[in-house]
Amino acid sequence: MAESEHTNLELVVAWLDAMRRHDLGAMERLFHTEVVWRGVPDDAICRDRAEVIEMLRERLDAGVPSTRALELVAGPDAVVLGVRSPHLHEIGDVALSGQLFNVFEVSDGSIVAVADYATRLEALEAAGAREPDWR
């Protein structure tokens, strides 16, 4: 694994830890000021850090659903976070199969963009990541 891929994974793990602790200040420091988060469906979008933090605040206030599994896969400039939960059935009119995938684009030590995907294949392709080689 390239050093940049390892560093990018550490950044997303730091975000997960901040989410676990409900630490919005720590999350805010991880995002670039001009971060964009595109959700599922396509019209769900946050256009800067303030909007992203507000969306995450609302999500935390509503209660984070139980999670059964997490997966992190690094690409050259992005990390795929796969979340499996029995509560992930649909968002808007987009059907989910108990999973949601976030692609975190990273540049110069900050998260500059996040995009949500309903399928793992779409997320891996968007991140330029390959299926992990477990050998």
Foldseek 3Di string as FASTA:
>chain_A
DDPQQVLQVVLVVQCVVCLVVVPLVSNLVQADQQEKEAEPPRVDIDGGSVSVSVVSNVCVVVPPADWDDWDWFTAPFKIKIKTAHPPQQDDDPGGAPRIKIKIFGDDPRHGRYIYIDRDPVVNCVVRNTDDDDPD
